[in-house]
Amino acid sequence: MDKDAAAERISRLRNIIEYHNNRYYQQDNPEISDIEYDRLLRELQDLEKLYPDDKIASSPTQRVGAAPLIKFSPLKHASPMLSIKDAFSIKEIIDFDSSIKRMTKIDNVSYVAEPKIDGLAVNLIYENGTFSRGATRGDGETGEDVTQNLKTISNLPLRIKNDGSIPIPSFVEIRGEVYMEIEQLQIINQQRIKDGEEPFANPRNFAAGSLRQLDSRITARRPLSIFLYAIGNALSINFSTQWEVLQTLSKWGFPVNPHIEETQDINACIQYFE
């Protein structure tokens, strides 16, 4: 196979694998078997070794992990990752609604209601549609650069899906939560107990510890997932509501929590909570 033919095959394999990643991780509706998928991935890995000049950061082969780091580098967020104030009673929720109405002079305020995912908050940077860097929340201003570890998360898109309906900014921060499903932790803990090891305390601790491994190959072996829910700094694009943000993220191919709802007033929001 000559260089031009190899480059064409590499490009086609990447598109095929990303398509099947979407079918498997986003739509939960795979079209091919695991064996067939592994063959495609192995062929791409072999070709990228033979033709390293054609290797790119967004290739599906980059999900397997890289050499260990000595330490994490700091990565400053383009816009701060602010914390959300908690409410501990229905009265506090109603008081919050009243304060919003006073500040905005709007009589009826709609809300986006969504479950709290107990994981680790992260900030993803996409440049020209390709995932380039990612960091933990840190102190809200600067986090730890965990780019290589984030690349190993199977349902995190390395490229933004472009269907032409919404322009993709040349630079955009996308915020989300890395987590582990309880069922997965139970399986892992059962094995750890059987091996005489201490079980992990909870899914959040396991997810946070897994994402902060200096050796991304360890992270790649752990069943982490991610939901995206917010946009930070973005060039040449604006959103008027949080619901619009979520719809855009979904169209761009990002996993968004399916249990999120748009409520028309605070009473509907309270019903969602109850």
Protein backbone atom coordinates (compact mmCIF):
# COMPACT_ATOMS: atom_id res chain seq x y z
CA MET A 1 0.00 0.00 0.00
CA ASP A 2 1.49 3.36 -1.01
CA LYS A 3 1.40 6.48 1.17
CA ASP A 4 -1.63 8.06 -0.56
CA ALA A 5 -3.65 4.86 -0.34
CA ALA A 6 -2.66 4.46 3.31
CA ALA A 7 -3.72 8.03 4.12
CA GLU A 8 -7.09 7.44 2.47
CA ARG A 9 -7.59 4.15 4.35
CA ILE A 10 -6.57 5.76 7.66
CA SER A 11 -9.08 8.57 7.18
CA ARG A 12 -11.82 6.09 6.26
CA LEU A 13 -11.06 3.86 9.26
CA ARG A 14 -11.25 6.83 11.63
CA ASN A 15 -14.64 7.81 10.26
CA ILE A 16 -15.93 4.24 10.45
CA ILE A 17 -14.71 3.75 14.02
CA GLU A 18 -16.12 7.09 15.20
CA TYR A 19 -19.44 6.16 13.59
CA HIS A 20 -19.52 2.86 15.48
CA ASN A 21 -18.41 4.61 18.70
CA ASN A 22 -21.46 6.84 18.34
CA ARG A 23 -23.74 3.86 17.68
CA TYR A 24 -22.39 2.01 20.73
CA TYR A 25 -21.84 4.72 23.33
CA GLN A 26 -24.35 7.42 22.38
CA GLN A 27 -27.23 5.51 20.81
CA ASP A 28 -26.75 2.18 22.66
CA ASN A 29 -27.47 0.48 19.34
CA PRO A 30 -24.31 -1.17 17.92
CA GLU A 31 -24.26 -2.40 14.33
CA ILE A 32 -21.17 -4.61 14.51
CA SER A 33 -19.75 -7.12 16.98
CA ASP A 34 -16.93 -6.34 19.42
CA ILE A 35 -14.65 -8.61 17.37
CA GLU A 36 -15.35 -6.68 14.16
CA TYR A 37 -14.79 -3.38 15.98
CA ASP A 38 -11.48 -4.59 17.43
CA ARG A 39 -10.29 -5.61 13.96
CA LEU A 40 -10.99 -2.13 12.60
CA LEU A 41 -9.19 -0.50 15.54
CA ARG A 42 -6.22 -2.84 15.23
CA GLU A 43 -5.93 -2.10 11.49
CA LEU A 44 -5.92 1.64 12.23
CA GLN A 45 -3.29 1.23 14.96
CA ASP A 46 -1.04 -0.76 12.61
CA LEU A 47 -1.37 1.80 9.81
CA GLU A 48 -0.61 4.70 12.15
CA LYS A 49 2.55 2.91 13.27
CA LEU A 50 3.62 2.43 9.67
CA TYR A 51 2.72 6.01 8.71
CA PRO A 52 3.26 8.13 11.89
CA ASP A 53 3.01 11.38 9.91
CA ASP A 54 -0.70 10.65 9.46
CA LYS A 55 -1.34 10.28 13.19
CA ILE A 56 -3.57 12.99 14.72
CA ALA A 57 -4.60 13.80 18.30
CA SER A 58 -8.30 13.13 17.63
CA SER A 59 -7.72 9.61 16.28
CA PRO A 60 -9.76 6.89 18.04
CA THR A 61 -6.47 5.13 18.77
CA GLN A 62 -5.61 7.87 21.28
CA ARG A 63 -8.19 6.54 23.75
CA VAL A 64 -5.93 3.72 24.95
CA GLY A 65 -3.70 5.90 27.15
CA ALA A 66 -0.20 7.34 26.97
CA ALA A 67 3.05 7.10 28.93
CA PRO A 68 2.86 8.07 32.64
CA LEU A 69 3.31 11.70 33.70
CA ILE A 70 5.56 12.85 36.53
CA LYS A 71 2.88 15.30 37.68
CA PHE A 72 -0.14 17.15 36.30
CA SER A 73 0.41 20.59 34.79
CA PRO A 74 -1.90 23.48 35.74
CA LEU A 75 -4.39 24.59 33.09
CA LYS A 76 -6.19 27.92 33.48
CA HIS A 77 -9.82 28.07 32.41
CA ALA A 78 -10.71 30.75 29.87
CA SER A 79 -13.79 31.51 31.97
CA PRO A 80 -14.19 30.55 35.66
CA MET A 81 -15.98 27.36 36.68
CA LEU A 82 -18.29 28.70 39.36
CA SER A 83 -19.99 26.60 42.03
CA ILE A 84 -23.76 26.28 42.39
CA LYS A 85 -25.48 27.33 45.62
CA ASP A 86 -27.35 24.52 47.37
CA ALA A 87 -30.96 24.69 48.54
CA PHE A 88 -31.97 22.45 51.45
CA SER A 89 -35.72 23.01 51.56
CA ILE A 90 -38.72 23.81 49.35
CA LYS A 91 -38.88 27.25 51.00
CA GLU A 92 -35.31 28.01 49.87
CA ILE A 93 -36.24 27.02 46.30
CA ILE A 94 -39.28 29.33 46.35
CA ASP A 95 -37.20 32.16 47.84
CA PHE A 96 -34.64 31.69 45.07
CA ASP A 97 -37.42 31.95 42.46
CA SER A 98 -38.69 35.15 44.08
CA SER A 99 -35.22 36.71 44.04
CA ILE A 100 -34.78 35.85 40.34
CA LYS A 101 -38.10 37.48 39.51
CA ARG A 102 -37.16 40.61 41.43
CA MET A 103 -33.78 40.89 39.69
CA THR A 104 -35.05 40.17 36.17
CA LYS A 105 -38.47 41.83 36.45
CA ILE A 106 -39.90 38.70 34.78
CA ASP A 107 -43.18 37.38 36.22
CA ASN A 108 -42.83 33.76 35.08
CA VAL A 109 -39.41 32.12 35.02
CA SER A 110 -38.81 28.73 33.39
CA TYR A 111 -36.17 26.35 34.71
CA VAL A 112 -34.07 23.43 33.53
CA ALA A 113 -34.26 20.60 36.05
CA GLU A 114 -31.63 17.88 36.04
CA PRO A 115 -30.30 15.21 38.42
CA LYS A 116 -27.06 15.92 40.25
CA ILE A 117 -24.35 13.60 38.96
CA ASP A 118 -21.91 12.81 41.77
CA GLY A 119 -18.60 12.79 39.94
CA LEU A 120 -15.72 15.09 39.07
CA ALA A 121 -16.35 18.36 37.21
CA VAL A 122 -14.17 18.94 34.15
CA ASN A 123 -13.61 21.61 31.51
CA LEU A 124 -13.02 20.49 27.91
CA ILE A 125 -11.45 22.72 25.25
CA TYR A 126 -12.29 22.19 21.59
CA GLU A 127 -10.40 24.10 18.94
CA ASN A 128 -11.74 24.06 15.37
CA GLY A 129 -14.03 21.22 16.40
CA THR A 130 -11.29 18.96 17.83
CA PHE A 131 -10.72 18.14 21.51
CA SER A 132 -7.37 19.70 22.40
CA ARG A 133 -7.12 19.98 26.19
CA GLY A 134 -9.09 19.20 29.32
CA ALA A 135 -8.79 19.98 33.02
CA THR A 136 -10.38 19.33 36.37
CA ARG A 137 -12.33 22.17 37.99
CA GLY A 138 -9.58 22.82 40.53
CA ASP A 139 -10.17 26.07 42.39
CA GLY A 140 -12.55 27.32 39.69
CA GLU A 141 -9.87 29.42 38.00
CA THR A 142 -7.17 26.80 37.32
CA GLY A 143 -7.40 23.02 37.21
CA GLU A 144 -5.11 20.07 36.51
CA ASP A 145 -4.43 19.15 32.89
CA VAL A 146 -5.88 15.63 32.53
CA THR A 147 -6.13 15.67 28.72
CA GLN A 148 -4.68 12.19 28.14
CA ASN A 149 -6.95 10.65 30.77
CA LEU A 150 -10.06 12.32 29.36
CA LYS A 151 -9.27 10.93 25.91
CA THR A 152 -9.68 7.41 27.29
CA ILE A 153 -13.36 7.97 28.21
CA SER A 154 -15.28 6.07 25.56
CA ASN A 155 -18.34 8.32 25.25
CA LEU A 156 -16.39 11.61 25.11
CA PRO A 157 -16.30 12.83 21.49
CA LEU A 158 -12.82 13.74 20.26
CA ARG A 159 -14.45 15.79 17.48
CA ILE A 160 -17.62 17.87 17.51
CA LYS A 161 -20.30 16.50 15.23
CA ASN A 162 -21.08 19.01 12.49
CA ASP A 163 -24.50 18.64 10.89
CA GLY A 164 -24.47 22.21 9.57
CA SER A 165 -27.41 23.39 11.69
CA ILE A 166 -25.33 25.16 14.37
CA PRO A 167 -21.95 26.77 13.68
CA ILE A 168 -19.02 25.28 15.58
CA PRO A 169 -16.86 27.92 17.30
CA SER A 170 -13.14 27.97 16.60
CA PHE A 171 -12.70 27.86 20.40
CA VAL A 172 -15.18 26.58 22.97
CA GLU A 173 -15.09 25.34 26.57
CA ILE A 174 -17.55 22.58 27.37
CA ARG A 175 -18.21 21.64 30.98
CA GLY A 176 -19.34 18.30 32.31
CA GLU A 177 -19.07 15.61 34.96
CA VAL A 178 -16.97 12.45 34.83
CA TYR A 179 -18.67 9.68 36.77
CA MET A 180 -18.98 5.94 37.25
CA GLU A 181 -22.27 4.02 37.32
CA ILE A 182 -23.07 2.38 40.65
CA GLU A 183 -23.51 -1.03 39.01
CA GLN A 184 -19.98 -0.83 37.60
CA LEU A 185 -18.55 0.01 41.01
CA GLN A 186 -20.40 -2.91 42.58
CA ILE A 187 -18.84 -5.32 40.06
CA ILE A 188 -15.36 -3.90 40.68
CA ASN A 189 -15.78 -4.01 44.47
CA GLN A 190 -16.98 -7.61 44.38
CA GLN A 191 -13.77 -8.56 42.60
CA ARG A 192 -11.63 -6.49 44.97
CA ILE A 193 -13.20 -8.19 48.01
CA LYS A 194 -12.64 -11.57 46.39
CA ASP A 195 -8.98 -10.61 45.86
CA GLY A 196 -8.65 -9.52 49.49
CA GLU A 197 -8.45 -5.82 48.62
CA GLU A 198 -10.25 -2.89 50.21
CA PRO A 199 -13.42 -1.91 48.24
CA PHE A 200 -13.79 1.64 46.94
CA ALA A 201 -15.97 3.84 49.16
CA ASN A 202 -18.28 5.32 46.52
CA PRO A 203 -18.53 6.02 42.77
CA ARG A 204 -17.40 9.64 43.11
CA ASN A 205 -14.15 8.79 44.86
CA PHE A 206 -13.44 6.05 42.34
CA ALA A 207 -14.17 8.33 39.36
CA ALA A 208 -12.05 11.17 40.77
CA GLY A 209 -9.16 8.86 41.59
CA SER A 210 -9.34 7.21 38.18
CA LEU A 211 -9.29 10.49 36.28
CA ARG A 212 -6.33 11.76 38.31
CA GLN A 213 -4.07 8.81 37.58
CA LEU A 214 -0.64 9.90 36.34
CA ASP A 215 -0.63 6.80 34.12
CA SER A 216 -3.51 7.24 31.63
CA ARG A 217 -3.29 3.55 30.76
CA ILE A 218 -4.77 2.82 34.19
CA THR A 219 -7.59 5.30 33.51
CA ALA A 220 -8.25 3.61 30.17
CA ARG A 221 -8.98 0.32 31.97
CA ARG A 222 -11.62 1.89 34.21
CA PRO A 223 -15.26 2.22 33.07
CA LEU A 224 -15.68 6.00 33.31
CA SER A 225 -18.45 7.95 31.58
CA ILE A 226 -19.21 11.63 31.12
CA PHE A 227 -22.25 13.88 30.80
CA LEU A 228 -21.89 17.41 29.41
CA TYR A 229 -24.16 20.20 30.63
CA ALA A 230 -22.66 23.67 30.14
CA ILE A 231 -20.61 25.90 27.87
CA GLY A 232 -17.96 28.27 29.24
CA ASN A 233 -16.06 30.58 26.94
CA ALA A 234 -17.09 30.31 23.28
CA LEU A 235 -16.07 32.44 20.31
CA SER A 236 -18.69 33.85 17.94
CA ILE A 237 -21.68 32.06 19.44
CA ASN A 238 -24.20 33.00 22.16
CA PHE A 239 -27.04 31.22 23.91
CA SER A 240 -30.08 32.76 25.53
CA THR A 241 -31.13 29.83 27.75
CA GLN A 242 -29.64 26.77 29.43
CA TRP A 243 -32.12 24.60 27.52
CA GLU A 244 -30.69 25.93 24.27
CA VAL A 245 -27.19 25.04 25.49
CA LEU A 246 -28.24 21.45 26.21
CA GLN A 247 -29.97 21.05 22.85
CA THR A 248 -26.84 22.35 21.11
CA LEU A 249 -24.56 19.98 23.01
CA SER A 250 -26.78 17.08 22.00
CA LYS A 251 -26.72 18.11 18.33
CA TRP A 252 -22.93 18.40 18.52
CA GLY A 253 -22.78 14.75 19.57
CA PHE A 254 -22.10 15.16 23.30
CA PRO A 255 -23.74 12.83 25.84
CA VAL A 256 -26.40 14.79 27.73
CA ASN A 257 -28.31 13.38 30.70
CA PRO A 258 -31.61 11.99 29.29
CA HIS A 259 -33.48 12.80 32.53
CA ILE A 260 -33.15 16.58 32.13
CA GLU A 261 -36.43 18.44 31.71
CA GLU A 262 -37.47 21.99 30.88
CA THR A 263 -40.04 23.18 33.42
CA GLN A 264 -42.33 26.18 32.87
CA ASP A 265 -42.31 27.51 36.44
CA ILE A 266 -40.93 26.87 39.90
CA ASN A 267 -43.85 24.61 40.87
CA ALA A 268 -43.07 22.25 38.00
CA CYS A 269 -39.44 22.34 39.07
CA ILE A 270 -40.42 21.33 42.61
CA GLN A 271 -42.58 18.51 41.24
CA TYR A 272 -39.59 17.25 39.29
CA PHE A 273 -37.53 17.24 42.49
CA GLU A 274 -40.22 15.43 44.50
